[in-house]
Amino acid sequence: MGQKLPPDQLELYKRIDEVLFYKWDPIGISDGDWARDEYQSYLPRVFAHAMESDSPEPIAKYLGVVSTESMGLSTAPEHDLNIAKMIIEIKNGLGL
């Protein structure tokens, strides 16, 4: 990101990165660190959605668009929503 985040937001940013790689992982690469940066291009947008709303729906919708339109995968709306809920729970747990 082009700006420096406060420590609590930086923590959320890092945790979202972990969630995207280890939990969302639509192409199944999280068993090794060789492609650790694979989903980082989506991170700023997911972070922005998380900061803008307490609703998981915008995050889930974005993840769905990424996986279907950018990656050409089948839809997985339940998985995307579960990931989005996890991100909102982390945000709330950090008091943001």
PDB file of N, CA and C in Angstrom:
ATOM      1  N   MET A   1       0.848  -1.181   0.000  1.00  0.00           N
ATOM      2  CA  MET A   1       0.000   0.000   0.000  1.00  0.00           C
ATOM      3  C   MET A   1       0.886   1.235   0.000  1.00  0.00           C
ATOM      4  N   GLY A   2       0.387   2.329  -0.529  1.00  0.00           N
ATOM      5  CA  GLY A   2       1.150   3.547  -0.639  1.00  0.00           C
ATOM      6  C   GLY A   2       1.187   4.376   0.634  1.00  0.00           C
ATOM      7  N   GLN A   3       0.390   4.041   1.613  1.00  0.00           N
ATOM      8  CA  GLN A   3       0.352   4.821   2.843  1.00  0.00           C
ATOM      9  C   GLN A   3       0.696   3.939   4.034  1.00  0.00           C
ATOM     10  N   LYS A   4       1.166   4.575   5.074  1.00  0.00           N
ATOM     11  CA  LYS A   4       1.485   3.829   6.287  1.00  0.00           C
ATOM     12  C   LYS A   4       0.226   3.684   7.135  1.00  0.00           C
ATOM     13  N   LEU A   5      -0.046   2.473   7.534  1.00  0.00           N
ATOM     14  CA  LEU A   5      -1.240   2.192   8.321  1.00  0.00           C
ATOM     15  C   LEU A   5      -0.924   2.260   9.808  1.00  0.00           C
ATOM     16  N   PRO A   6      -1.912   2.658  10.628  1.00  0.00           N
ATOM     17  CA  PRO A   6      -1.732   2.555  12.076  1.00  0.00           C
ATOM     18  C   PRO A   6      -1.532   1.080  12.454  1.00  0.00           C
ATOM     19  N   PRO A   7      -0.902   0.805  13.588  1.00  0.00           N
ATOM     20  CA  PRO A   7      -0.579  -0.583  13.959  1.00  0.00           C
ATOM     21  C   PRO A   7      -1.759  -1.554  13.946  1.00  0.00           C
ATOM     22  N   ASP A   8      -2.926  -1.126  14.429  1.00  0.00           N
ATOM     23  CA  ASP A   8      -4.073  -2.044  14.456  1.00  0.00           C
ATOM     24  C   ASP A   8      -4.561  -2.365  13.043  1.00  0.00           C
ATOM     25  N   GLN A   9      -4.546  -1.382  12.149  1.00  0.00           N
ATOM     26  CA  GLN A   9      -4.944  -1.635  10.772  1.00  0.00           C
ATOM     27  C   GLN A   9      -3.893  -2.469  10.039  1.00  0.00           C
ATOM     28  N   LEU A  10      -2.630  -2.238  10.338  1.00  0.00           N
ATOM     29  CA  LEU A  10      -1.561  -3.040   9.745  1.00  0.00           C
ATOM     30  C   LEU A  10      -1.702  -4.499  10.157  1.00  0.00           C
ATOM     31  N   GLU A  11      -2.082  -4.723  11.408  1.00  0.00           N
ATOM     32  CA  GLU A  11      -2.312  -6.087  11.886  1.00  0.00           C
ATOM     33  C   GLU A  11      -3.457  -6.744  11.118  1.00  0.00           C
ATOM     34  N   LEU A  12      -4.528  -6.014  10.900  1.00  0.00           N
ATOM     35  CA  LEU A  12      -5.647  -6.543  10.120  1.00  0.00           C
ATOM     36  C   LEU A  12      -5.197  -6.853   8.702  1.00  0.00           C
ATOM     37  N   TYR A  13      -4.445  -5.964   8.102  1.00  0.00           N
ATOM     38  CA  TYR A  13      -3.946  -6.152   6.733  1.00  0.00           C
ATOM     39  C   TYR A  13      -3.144  -7.454   6.641  1.00  0.00           C
ATOM     40  N   LYS A  14      -2.256  -7.662   7.599  1.00  0.00           N
ATOM     41  CA  LYS A  14      -1.428  -8.877   7.614  1.00  0.00           C
ATOM     42  C   LYS A  14      -2.286 -10.130   7.805  1.00  0.00           C
ATOM     43  N   ARG A  15      -3.260 -10.022   8.683  1.00  0.00           N
ATOM     44  CA  ARG A  15      -4.117 -11.190   8.936  1.00  0.00           C
ATOM     45  C   ARG A  15      -4.990 -11.520   7.728  1.00  0.00           C
ATOM     46  N   ILE A  16      -5.465 -10.492   7.033  1.00  0.00           N
ATOM     47  CA  ILE A  16      -6.239 -10.749   5.818  1.00  0.00           C
ATOM     48  C   ILE A  16      -5.365 -11.455   4.788  1.00  0.00           C
ATOM     49  N   ASP A  17      -4.119 -11.035   4.682  1.00  0.00           N
ATOM     50  CA  ASP A  17      -3.185 -11.690   3.774  1.00  0.00           C
ATOM     51  C   ASP A  17      -3.076 -13.183   4.109  1.00  0.00           C
ATOM     52  N   GLU A  18      -2.971 -13.503   5.377  1.00  0.00           N
ATOM     53  CA  GLU A  18      -2.887 -14.903   5.815  1.00  0.00           C
ATOM     54  C   GLU A  18      -4.175 -15.660   5.484  1.00  0.00           C
ATOM     55  N   VAL A  19      -5.307 -15.033   5.732  1.00  0.00           N
ATOM     56  CA  VAL A  19      -6.596 -15.676   5.453  1.00  0.00           C
ATOM     57  C   VAL A  19      -6.736 -15.965   3.958  1.00  0.00           C
ATOM     58  N   LEU A  20      -6.391 -14.999   3.131  1.00  0.00           N
ATOM     59  CA  LEU A  20      -6.514 -15.208   1.689  1.00  0.00           C
ATOM     60  C   LEU A  20      -5.640 -16.359   1.218  1.00  0.00           C
ATOM     61  N   PHE A  21      -4.418 -16.435   1.721  1.00  0.00           N
ATOM     62  CA  PHE A  21      -3.500 -17.476   1.259  1.00  0.00           C
ATOM     63  C   PHE A  21      -3.829 -18.847   1.846  1.00  0.00           C
ATOM     64  N   TYR A  22      -4.051 -18.912   3.150  1.00  0.00           N
ATOM     65  CA  TYR A  22      -4.211 -20.212   3.792  1.00  0.00           C
ATOM     66  C   TYR A  22      -5.648 -20.723   3.850  1.00  0.00           C
ATOM     67  N   LYS A  23      -6.624 -19.830   3.844  1.00  0.00           N
ATOM     68  CA  LYS A  23      -8.019 -20.263   3.994  1.00  0.00           C
ATOM     69  C   LYS A  23      -8.839 -20.116   2.713  1.00  0.00           C
ATOM     70  N   TRP A  24      -8.743 -18.968   2.056  1.00  0.00           N
ATOM     71  CA  TRP A  24      -9.516 -18.768   0.824  1.00  0.00           C
ATOM     72  C   TRP A  24      -8.936 -19.631  -0.284  1.00  0.00           C
ATOM     73  N   ASP A  25      -7.705 -19.440  -0.646  1.00  0.00           N
ATOM     74  CA  ASP A  25      -6.895 -20.267  -1.545  1.00  0.00           C
ATOM     75  C   ASP A  25      -7.680 -20.991  -2.645  1.00  0.00           C
ATOM     76  N   PRO A  26      -8.313 -20.263  -3.555  1.00  0.00           N
ATOM     77  CA  PRO A  26      -9.161 -20.913  -4.560  1.00  0.00           C
ATOM     78  C   PRO A  26      -8.407 -21.821  -5.538  1.00  0.00           C
ATOM     79  N   ILE A  27      -7.111 -21.612  -5.712  1.00  0.00           N
ATOM     80  CA  ILE A  27      -6.386 -22.467  -6.661  1.00  0.00           C
ATOM     81  C   ILE A  27      -5.536 -23.532  -5.965  1.00  0.00           C
ATOM     82  N   GLY A  28      -5.650 -23.632  -4.640  1.00  0.00           N
ATOM     83  CA  GLY A  28      -5.030 -24.722  -3.904  1.00  0.00           C
ATOM     84  C   GLY A  28      -3.509 -24.725  -3.864  1.00  0.00           C
ATOM     85  N   ILE A  29      -2.923 -23.591  -3.525  1.00  0.00           N
ATOM     86  CA  ILE A  29      -1.459 -23.497  -3.500  1.00  0.00           C
ATOM     87  C   ILE A  29      -0.875 -23.319  -2.105  1.00  0.00           C
ATOM     88  N   SER A  30      -1.701 -23.302  -1.092  1.00  0.00           N
ATOM     89  CA  SER A  30      -1.225 -22.951   0.250  1.00  0.00           C
ATOM     90  C   SER A  30      -0.444 -24.057   0.953  1.00  0.00           C
ATOM     91  N   ASP A  31      -0.204 -25.166   0.272  1.00  0.00           N
ATOM     92  CA  ASP A  31       0.570 -26.240   0.905  1.00  0.00           C
ATOM     93  C   ASP A  31       2.073 -25.973   0.876  1.00  0.00           C
ATOM     94  N   GLY A  32       2.485 -24.898   0.221  1.00  0.00           N
ATOM     95  CA  GLY A  32       3.891 -24.513   0.190  1.00  0.00           C
ATOM     96  C   GLY A  32       4.008 -23.011   0.065  1.00  0.00           C
ATOM     97  N   ASP A  33       5.157 -22.473   0.413  1.00  0.00           N
ATOM     98  CA  ASP A  33       5.336 -21.019   0.363  1.00  0.00           C
ATOM     99  C   ASP A  33       5.885 -20.535  -0.973  1.00  0.00           C
ATOM    100  N   TRP A  34       6.027 -21.403  -1.938  1.00  0.00           N
ATOM    101  CA  TRP A  34       6.602 -21.027  -3.220  1.00  0.00           C
ATOM    102  C   TRP A  34       5.794 -19.961  -3.950  1.00  0.00           C
ATOM    103  N   ALA A  35       4.516 -19.876  -3.686  1.00  0.00           N
ATOM    104  CA  ALA A  35       3.665 -18.868  -4.336  1.00  0.00           C
ATOM    105  C   ALA A  35       2.996 -17.983  -3.288  1.00  0.00           C
ATOM    106  N   ARG A  36       3.731 -17.647  -2.254  1.00  0.00           N
ATOM    107  CA  ARG A  36       3.175 -16.929  -1.110  1.00  0.00           C
ATOM    108  C   ARG A  36       2.513 -15.602  -1.489  1.00  0.00           C
ATOM    109  N   ASP A  37       2.956 -14.985  -2.564  1.00  0.00           N
ATOM    110  CA  ASP A  37       2.415 -13.688  -2.954  1.00  0.00           C
ATOM    111  C   ASP A  37       1.265 -13.786  -3.966  1.00  0.00           C
ATOM    112  N   GLU A  38       0.789 -14.969  -4.232  1.00  0.00           N
ATOM    113  CA  GLU A  38      -0.200 -15.197  -5.294  1.00  0.00           C
ATOM    114  C   GLU A  38      -1.459 -14.346  -5.160  1.00  0.00           C
ATOM    115  N   TYR A  39      -1.965 -14.165  -3.959  1.00  0.00           N
ATOM    116  CA  TYR A  39      -3.225 -13.454  -3.770  1.00  0.00           C
ATOM    117  C   TYR A  39      -3.041 -12.031  -3.256  1.00  0.00           C
ATOM    118  N   GLN A  40      -1.807 -11.575  -3.136  1.00  0.00           N
ATOM    119  CA  GLN A  40      -1.552 -10.260  -2.544  1.00  0.00           C
ATOM    120  C   GLN A  40      -2.080  -9.099  -3.387  1.00  0.00           C
ATOM    121  N   SER A  41      -2.277  -9.300  -4.671  1.00  0.00           N
ATOM    122  CA  SER A  41      -2.833  -8.210  -5.483  1.00  0.00           C
ATOM    123  C   SER A  41      -4.297  -7.928  -5.125  1.00  0.00           C
ATOM    124  N   TYR A  42      -4.969  -8.880  -4.507  1.00  0.00           N
ATOM    125  CA  TYR A  42      -6.365  -8.700  -4.101  1.00  0.00           C
ATOM    126  C   TYR A  42      -6.485  -8.134  -2.689  1.00  0.00           C
ATOM    127  N   LEU A  43      -5.399  -8.156  -1.969  1.00  0.00           N
ATOM    128  CA  LEU A  43      -5.377  -7.751  -0.562  1.00  0.00           C
ATOM    129  C   LEU A  43      -5.841  -6.314  -0.318  1.00  0.00           C
ATOM    130  N   PRO A  44      -5.357  -5.312  -1.054  1.00  0.00           N
ATOM    131  CA  PRO A  44      -5.802  -3.943  -0.767  1.00  0.00           C
ATOM    132  C   PRO A  44      -7.310  -3.756  -0.898  1.00  0.00           C
ATOM    133  N   ARG A  45      -7.898  -4.395  -1.876  1.00  0.00           N
ATOM    134  CA  ARG A  45      -9.348  -4.247  -2.088  1.00  0.00           C
ATOM    135  C   ARG A  45     -10.138  -4.956  -0.984  1.00  0.00           C
ATOM    136  N   VAL A  46      -9.694  -6.141  -0.594  1.00  0.00           N
ATOM    137  CA  VAL A  46     -10.366  -6.855   0.502  1.00  0.00           C
ATOM    138  C   VAL A  46     -10.246  -6.044   1.787  1.00  0.00           C
ATOM    139  N   PHE A  47      -9.053  -5.521   2.037  1.00  0.00           N
ATOM    140  CA  PHE A  47      -8.835  -4.686   3.221  1.00  0.00           C
ATOM    141  C   PHE A  47      -9.762  -3.469   3.201  1.00  0.00           C
ATOM    142  N   ALA A  48      -9.859  -2.812   2.065  1.00  0.00           N
ATOM    143  CA  ALA A  48     -10.731  -1.634   1.955  1.00  0.00           C
ATOM    144  C   ALA A  48     -12.183  -1.999   2.240  1.00  0.00           C
ATOM    145  N   HIS A  49     -12.644  -3.101   1.680  1.00  0.00           N
ATOM    146  CA  HIS A  49     -14.019  -3.546   1.956  1.00  0.00           C
ATOM    147  C   HIS A  49     -14.207  -3.802   3.451  1.00  0.00           C
ATOM    148  N   ALA A  50     -13.228  -4.432   4.079  1.00  0.00           N
ATOM    149  CA  ALA A  50     -13.321  -4.735   5.513  1.00  0.00           C
ATOM    150  C   ALA A  50     -13.377  -3.458   6.345  1.00  0.00           C
ATOM    151  N   MET A  51     -12.609  -2.459   5.952  1.00  0.00           N
ATOM    152  CA  MET A  51     -12.577  -1.213   6.709  1.00  0.00           C
ATOM    153  C   MET A  51     -13.832  -0.374   6.480  1.00  0.00           C
ATOM    154  N   GLU A  52     -14.455  -0.513   5.327  1.00  0.00           N
ATOM    155  CA  GLU A  52     -15.613   0.306   4.983  1.00  0.00           C
ATOM    156  C   GLU A  52     -16.926  -0.211   5.576  1.00  0.00           C
ATOM    157  N   SER A  53     -16.973  -1.484   5.953  1.00  0.00           N
ATOM    158  CA  SER A  53     -18.245  -2.058   6.364  1.00  0.00           C
ATOM    159  C   SER A  53     -18.042  -3.193   7.360  1.00  0.00           C
ATOM    160  N   ASP A  54     -19.050  -3.416   8.182  1.00  0.00           N
ATOM    161  CA  ASP A  54     -19.046  -4.571   9.074  1.00  0.00           C
ATOM    162  C   ASP A  54     -19.772  -5.748   8.440  1.00  0.00           C
ATOM    163  N   SER A  55     -20.225  -5.571   7.219  1.00  0.00           N
ATOM    164  CA  SER A  55     -20.936  -6.629   6.509  1.00  0.00           C
ATOM    165  C   SER A  55     -19.945  -7.481   5.706  1.00  0.00           C
ATOM    166  N   PRO A  56     -20.075  -8.796   5.778  1.00  0.00           N
ATOM    167  CA  PRO A  56     -19.187  -9.653   4.994  1.00  0.00           C
ATOM    168  C   PRO A  56     -19.553  -9.723   3.512  1.00  0.00           C
ATOM    169  N   GLU A  57     -20.755  -9.296   3.150  1.00  0.00           N
ATOM    170  CA  GLU A  57     -21.224  -9.462   1.779  1.00  0.00           C
ATOM    171  C   GLU A  57     -20.348  -8.788   0.724  1.00  0.00           C
ATOM    172  N   PRO A  58     -19.908  -7.529   0.920  1.00  0.00           N
ATOM    173  CA  PRO A  58     -19.059  -6.920  -0.120  1.00  0.00           C
ATOM    174  C   PRO A  58     -17.744  -7.687  -0.332  1.00  0.00           C
ATOM    175  N   ILE A  59     -17.186  -8.201   0.741  1.00  0.00           N
ATOM    176  CA  ILE A  59     -15.949  -8.984   0.631  1.00  0.00           C
ATOM    177  C   ILE A  59     -16.229 -10.271  -0.136  1.00  0.00           C
ATOM    178  N   ALA A  60     -17.290 -10.966   0.253  1.00  0.00           N
ATOM    179  CA  ALA A  60     -17.640 -12.228  -0.407  1.00  0.00           C
ATOM    180  C   ALA A  60     -17.912 -12.014  -1.891  1.00  0.00           C
ATOM    181  N   LYS A  61     -18.611 -10.938  -2.209  1.00  0.00           N
ATOM    182  CA  LYS A  61     -18.912 -10.646  -3.610  1.00  0.00           C
ATOM    183  C   LYS A  61     -17.618 -10.401  -4.386  1.00  0.00           C
ATOM    184  N   TYR A  62     -16.715  -9.633  -3.822  1.00  0.00           N
ATOM    185  CA  TYR A  62     -15.439  -9.360  -4.483  1.00  0.00           C
ATOM    186  C   TYR A  62     -14.631 -10.647  -4.677  1.00  0.00           C
ATOM    187  N   LEU A  63     -14.560 -11.479  -3.651  1.00  0.00           N
ATOM    188  CA  LEU A  63     -13.831 -12.750  -3.777  1.00  0.00           C
ATOM    189  C   LEU A  63     -14.446 -13.617  -4.874  1.00  0.00           C
ATOM    190  N   GLY A  64     -15.758 -13.606  -4.965  1.00  0.00           N
ATOM    191  CA  GLY A  64     -16.431 -14.361  -6.016  1.00  0.00           C
ATOM    192  C   GLY A  64     -16.094 -13.854  -7.402  1.00  0.00           C
ATOM    193  N   VAL A  65     -16.063 -12.548  -7.553  1.00  0.00           N
ATOM    194  CA  VAL A  65     -15.710 -11.948  -8.848  1.00  0.00           C
ATOM    195  C   VAL A  65     -14.272 -12.304  -9.215  1.00  0.00           C
ATOM    196  N   VAL A  66     -13.377 -12.197  -8.255  1.00  0.00           N
ATOM    197  CA  VAL A  66     -11.967 -12.515  -8.505  1.00  0.00           C
ATOM    198  C   VAL A  66     -11.814 -13.961  -8.957  1.00  0.00           C
ATOM    199  N   SER A  67     -12.419 -14.877  -8.202  1.00  0.00           N
ATOM    200  CA  SER A  67     -12.222 -16.298  -8.522  1.00  0.00           C
ATOM    201  C   SER A  67     -12.884 -16.704  -9.833  1.00  0.00           C
ATOM    202  N   THR A  68     -14.007 -16.099 -10.175  1.00  0.00           N
ATOM    203  CA  THR A  68     -14.681 -16.482 -11.416  1.00  0.00           C
ATOM    204  C   THR A  68     -14.188 -15.701 -12.625  1.00  0.00           C
ATOM    205  N   GLU A  69     -14.106 -14.388 -12.503  1.00  0.00           N
ATOM    206  CA  GLU A  69     -13.743 -13.567 -13.659  1.00  0.00           C
ATOM    207  C   GLU A  69     -12.241 -13.466 -13.893  1.00  0.00           C
ATOM    208  N   SER A  70     -11.462 -13.387 -12.819  1.00  0.00           N
ATOM    209  CA  SER A  70     -10.009 -13.263 -12.980  1.00  0.00           C
ATOM    210  C   SER A  70      -9.317 -14.614 -13.099  1.00  0.00           C
ATOM    211  N   MET A  71      -9.841 -15.599 -12.378  1.00  0.00           N
ATOM    212  CA  MET A  71      -9.188 -16.908 -12.350  1.00  0.00           C
ATOM    213  C   MET A  71      -9.901 -17.951 -13.197  1.00  0.00           C
ATOM    214  N   GLY A  72     -11.123 -17.666 -13.617  1.00  0.00           N
ATOM    215  CA  GLY A  72     -11.876 -18.600 -14.443  1.00  0.00           C
ATOM    216  C   GLY A  72     -12.349 -19.839 -13.715  1.00  0.00           C
ATOM    217  N   LEU A  73     -12.539 -19.733 -12.415  1.00  0.00           N
ATOM    218  CA  LEU A  73     -12.980 -20.869 -11.604  1.00  0.00           C
ATOM    219  C   LEU A  73     -14.500 -20.867 -11.443  1.00  0.00           C
ATOM    220  N   SER A  74     -15.020 -21.949 -10.944  1.00  0.00           N
ATOM    221  CA  SER A  74     -16.452 -22.037 -10.644  1.00  0.00           C
ATOM    222  C   SER A  74     -16.759 -21.196  -9.412  1.00  0.00           C
ATOM    223  N   THR A  75     -17.998 -20.801  -9.290  1.00  0.00           N
ATOM    224  CA  THR A  75     -18.401 -20.020  -8.121  1.00  0.00           C
ATOM    225  C   THR A  75     -18.370 -20.890  -6.867  1.00  0.00           C
ATOM    226  N   ALA A  76     -18.061 -20.250  -5.753  1.00  0.00           N
ATOM    227  CA  ALA A  76     -18.060 -20.913  -4.452  1.00  0.00           C
ATOM    228  C   ALA A  76     -18.588 -19.910  -3.426  1.00  0.00           C
ATOM    229  N   PRO A  77     -19.860 -19.497  -3.588  1.00  0.00           N
ATOM    230  CA  PRO A  77     -20.377 -18.412  -2.752  1.00  0.00           C
ATOM    231  C   PRO A  77     -20.374 -18.706  -1.256  1.00  0.00           C
ATOM    232  N   GLU A  78     -20.635 -19.937  -0.874  1.00  0.00           N
ATOM    233  CA  GLU A  78     -20.645 -20.267   0.553  1.00  0.00           C
ATOM    234  C   GLU A  78     -19.238 -20.141   1.139  1.00  0.00           C
ATOM    235  N   HIS A  79     -18.251 -20.651   0.415  1.00  0.00           N
ATOM    236  CA  HIS A  79     -16.855 -20.547   0.863  1.00  0.00           C
ATOM    237  C   HIS A  79     -16.436 -19.079   0.945  1.00  0.00           C
ATOM    238  N   ASP A  80     -16.757 -18.300  -0.086  1.00  0.00           N
ATOM    239  CA  ASP A  80     -16.399 -16.885  -0.095  1.00  0.00           C
ATOM    240  C   ASP A  80     -17.044 -16.147   1.074  1.00  0.00           C
ATOM    241  N   LEU A  81     -18.297 -16.463   1.361  1.00  0.00           N
ATOM    242  CA  LEU A  81     -18.981 -15.814   2.478  1.00  0.00           C
ATOM    243  C   LEU A  81     -18.354 -16.218   3.813  1.00  0.00           C
ATOM    244  N   ASN A  82     -17.982 -17.484   3.963  1.00  0.00           N
ATOM    245  CA  ASN A  82     -17.327 -17.917   5.194  1.00  0.00           C
ATOM    246  C   ASN A  82     -15.989 -17.206   5.397  1.00  0.00           C
ATOM    247  N   ILE A  83     -15.251 -17.027   4.333  1.00  0.00           N
ATOM    248  CA  ILE A  83     -13.979 -16.310   4.411  1.00  0.00           C
ATOM    249  C   ILE A  83     -14.234 -14.853   4.789  1.00  0.00           C
ATOM    250  N   ALA A  84     -15.219 -14.248   4.159  1.00  0.00           N
ATOM    251  CA  ALA A  84     -15.555 -12.858   4.462  1.00  0.00           C
ATOM    252  C   ALA A  84     -15.981 -12.701   5.924  1.00  0.00           C
ATOM    253  N   LYS A  85     -16.762 -13.626   6.429  1.00  0.00           N
ATOM    254  CA  LYS A  85     -17.166 -13.583   7.842  1.00  0.00           C
ATOM    255  C   LYS A  85     -15.955 -13.700   8.755  1.00  0.00           C
ATOM    256  N   MET A  86     -15.018 -14.555   8.392  1.00  0.00           N
ATOM    257  CA  MET A  86     -13.794 -14.714   9.166  1.00  0.00           C
ATOM    258  C   MET A  86     -13.022 -13.390   9.225  1.00  0.00           C
ATOM    259  N   ILE A  87     -12.935 -12.712   8.102  1.00  0.00           N
ATOM    260  CA  ILE A  87     -12.222 -11.434   8.041  1.00  0.00           C
ATOM    261  C   ILE A  87     -12.907 -10.387   8.919  1.00  0.00           C
ATOM    262  N   ILE A  88     -14.231 -10.335   8.878  1.00  0.00           N
ATOM    263  CA  ILE A  88     -14.966  -9.382   9.717  1.00  0.00           C
ATOM    264  C   ILE A  88     -14.796  -9.728  11.196  1.00  0.00           C
ATOM    265  N   GLU A  89     -14.778 -11.006  11.532  1.00  0.00           N
ATOM    266  CA  GLU A  89     -14.548 -11.416  12.919  1.00  0.00           C
ATOM    267  C   GLU A  89     -13.174 -10.972  13.397  1.00  0.00           C
ATOM    268  N   ILE A  90     -12.179 -11.120  12.548  1.00  0.00           N
ATOM    269  CA  ILE A  90     -10.813 -10.681  12.893  1.00  0.00           C
ATOM    270  C   ILE A  90     -10.816  -9.169  13.107  1.00  0.00           C
ATOM    271  N   LYS A  91     -11.443  -8.450  12.190  1.00  0.00           N
ATOM    272  CA  LYS A  91     -11.531  -6.985  12.316  1.00  0.00           C
ATOM    273  C   LYS A  91     -12.170  -6.598  13.641  1.00  0.00           C
ATOM    274  N   ASN A  92     -13.294  -7.222  13.965  1.00  0.00           N
ATOM    275  CA  ASN A  92     -13.986  -6.906  15.214  1.00  0.00           C
ATOM    276  C   ASN A  92     -13.146  -7.288  16.430  1.00  0.00           C
ATOM    277  N   GLY A  93     -12.436  -8.395  16.333  1.00  0.00           N
ATOM    278  CA  GLY A  93     -11.579  -8.831  17.426  1.00  0.00           C
ATOM    279  C   GLY A  93     -10.422  -7.871  17.697  1.00  0.00           C
ATOM    280  N   LEU A  94     -10.015  -7.153  16.662  1.00  0.00           N
ATOM    281  CA  LEU A  94      -8.961  -6.143  16.809  1.00  0.00           C
ATOM    282  C   LEU A  94      -9.520  -4.800  17.255  1.00  0.00           C
ATOM    283  N   GLY A  95     -10.853  -4.727  17.387  1.00  0.00           N
ATOM    284  CA  GLY A  95     -11.491  -3.498  17.834  1.00  0.00           C
ATOM    285  C   GLY A  95     -11.569  -2.421  16.772  1.00  0.00           C
ATOM    286  N   LEU A  96     -11.576  -2.828  15.533  1.00  0.00           N
ATOM    287  CA  LEU A  96     -11.654  -1.847  14.431  1.00  0.00           C
ATOM    288  C   LEU A  96     -13.083  -1.651  13.953  1.00  0.00           C
TER     289      LEU A  96
END
